[in-house]
Amino acid sequence: MKRIVRFFRECYVELAKVVWPSRKEVGISTKVVLVSVVLFALFFGVLDYVLLLGSGLVF
């Protein structure tokens, strides 16, 4: 039982050392991720379409 208590005590100490991002930082990071995902999706969608047209010409 002492090991379990010690484990949770050590977890609490480690969590106190964490530097949590601010709400503003989380919002900015979220926007960067969403914009990146949309841009990559558009890029790969266009690439897929171009390759589809190219394979239609070959075959």
C-alpha atoms as a PDB file:
ATOM      1  CA  MET A   1       0.000   0.000   0.000  1.00  0.00           C
ATOM      2  CA  LYS A   2       2.900   2.331   0.766  1.00  0.00           C
ATOM      3  CA  ARG A   3       4.210   1.921  -2.776  1.00  0.00           C
ATOM      4  CA  ILE A   4       0.889   3.047  -4.242  1.00  0.00           C
ATOM      5  CA  VAL A   5       0.775   6.111  -2.008  1.00  0.00           C
ATOM      6  CA  ARG A   6       4.386   6.938  -2.877  1.00  0.00           C
ATOM      7  CA  PHE A   7       3.617   6.551  -6.577  1.00  0.00           C
ATOM      8  CA  PHE A   8       0.746   9.052  -6.454  1.00  0.00           C
ATOM      9  CA  ARG A   9       2.783  11.438  -4.326  1.00  0.00           C
ATOM     10  CA  GLU A  10       5.598  11.343  -6.892  1.00  0.00           C
ATOM     11  CA  CYS A  11       3.083  11.843  -9.716  1.00  0.00           C
ATOM     12  CA  TYR A  12       1.771  14.940  -7.980  1.00  0.00           C
ATOM     13  CA  VAL A  13       5.300  16.315  -7.579  1.00  0.00           C
ATOM     14  CA  GLU A  14       6.074  15.723 -11.262  1.00  0.00           C
ATOM     15  CA  LEU A  15       2.810  17.306 -12.398  1.00  0.00           C
ATOM     16  CA  ALA A  16       3.661  20.396 -10.374  1.00  0.00           C
ATOM     17  CA  LYS A  17       6.791  20.797 -12.548  1.00  0.00           C
ATOM     18  CA  VAL A  18       4.829  20.813 -15.810  1.00  0.00           C
ATOM     19  CA  VAL A  19       4.540  24.141 -17.611  1.00  0.00           C
ATOM     20  CA  TRP A  20       1.043  24.079 -19.057  1.00  0.00           C
ATOM     21  CA  PRO A  21       0.322  26.128 -22.199  1.00  0.00           C
ATOM     22  CA  SER A  22      -1.951  29.117 -21.905  1.00  0.00           C
ATOM     23  CA  ARG A  23      -5.390  29.176 -23.489  1.00  0.00           C
ATOM     24  CA  LYS A  24      -4.051  31.521 -26.178  1.00  0.00           C
ATOM     25  CA  GLU A  25      -1.154  29.170 -27.026  1.00  0.00           C
ATOM     26  CA  VAL A  26      -3.528  26.208 -27.308  1.00  0.00           C
ATOM     27  CA  GLY A  27      -5.793  28.215 -29.619  1.00  0.00           C
ATOM     28  CA  ILE A  28      -2.902  29.233 -31.860  1.00  0.00           C
ATOM     29  CA  SER A  29      -1.559  25.675 -32.010  1.00  0.00           C
ATOM     30  CA  THR A  30      -5.016  24.338 -32.856  1.00  0.00           C
ATOM     31  CA  LYS A  31      -5.381  26.839 -35.702  1.00  0.00           C
ATOM     32  CA  VAL A  32      -1.957  25.912 -37.080  1.00  0.00           C
ATOM     33  CA  VAL A  33      -2.848  22.227 -37.041  1.00  0.00           C
ATOM     34  CA  LEU A  34      -6.248  22.764 -38.691  1.00  0.00           C
ATOM     35  CA  VAL A  35      -4.815  24.985 -41.436  1.00  0.00           C
ATOM     36  CA  SER A  36      -2.012  22.486 -42.047  1.00  0.00           C
ATOM     37  CA  VAL A  37      -4.462  19.599 -42.322  1.00  0.00           C
ATOM     38  CA  VAL A  38      -6.630  21.503 -44.808  1.00  0.00           C
ATOM     39  CA  LEU A  39      -3.624  22.498 -46.936  1.00  0.00           C
ATOM     40  CA  PHE A  40      -2.233  18.969 -46.997  1.00  0.00           C
ATOM     41  CA  ALA A  41      -5.672  17.574 -47.851  1.00  0.00           C
ATOM     42  CA  LEU A  42      -6.000  20.011 -50.742  1.00  0.00           C
ATOM     43  CA  PHE A  43      -2.484  19.261 -51.960  1.00  0.00           C
ATOM     44  CA  PHE A  44      -2.971  15.500 -51.904  1.00  0.00           C
ATOM     45  CA  GLY A  45      -6.455  15.807 -53.397  1.00  0.00           C
ATOM     46  CA  VAL A  46      -5.092  17.788 -56.348  1.00  0.00           C
ATOM     47  CA  LEU A  47      -2.131  15.413 -56.683  1.00  0.00           C
ATOM     48  CA  ASP A  48      -4.482  12.427 -56.683  1.00  0.00           C
ATOM     49  CA  TYR A  49      -6.654  14.034 -59.353  1.00  0.00           C
ATOM     50  CA  VAL A  50      -3.645  14.856 -61.552  1.00  0.00           C
ATOM     51  CA  LEU A  51      -2.290  11.319 -61.228  1.00  0.00           C
ATOM     52  CA  LEU A  52      -5.740   9.937 -62.043  1.00  0.00           C
ATOM     53  CA  LEU A  53      -5.876  12.027 -65.214  1.00  0.00           C
ATOM     54  CA  GLY A  54      -2.313  11.009 -66.077  1.00  0.00           C
ATOM     55  CA  SER A  55      -3.028   7.318 -65.626  1.00  0.00           C
ATOM     56  CA  GLY A  56      -6.114   7.732 -67.825  1.00  0.00           C
ATOM     57  CA  LEU A  57      -3.915   9.021 -70.625  1.00  0.00           C
ATOM     58  CA  VAL A  58      -1.410   6.186 -70.251  1.00  0.00           C
ATOM     59  CA  PHE A  59      -3.889   3.332 -70.012  1.00  0.00           C
END
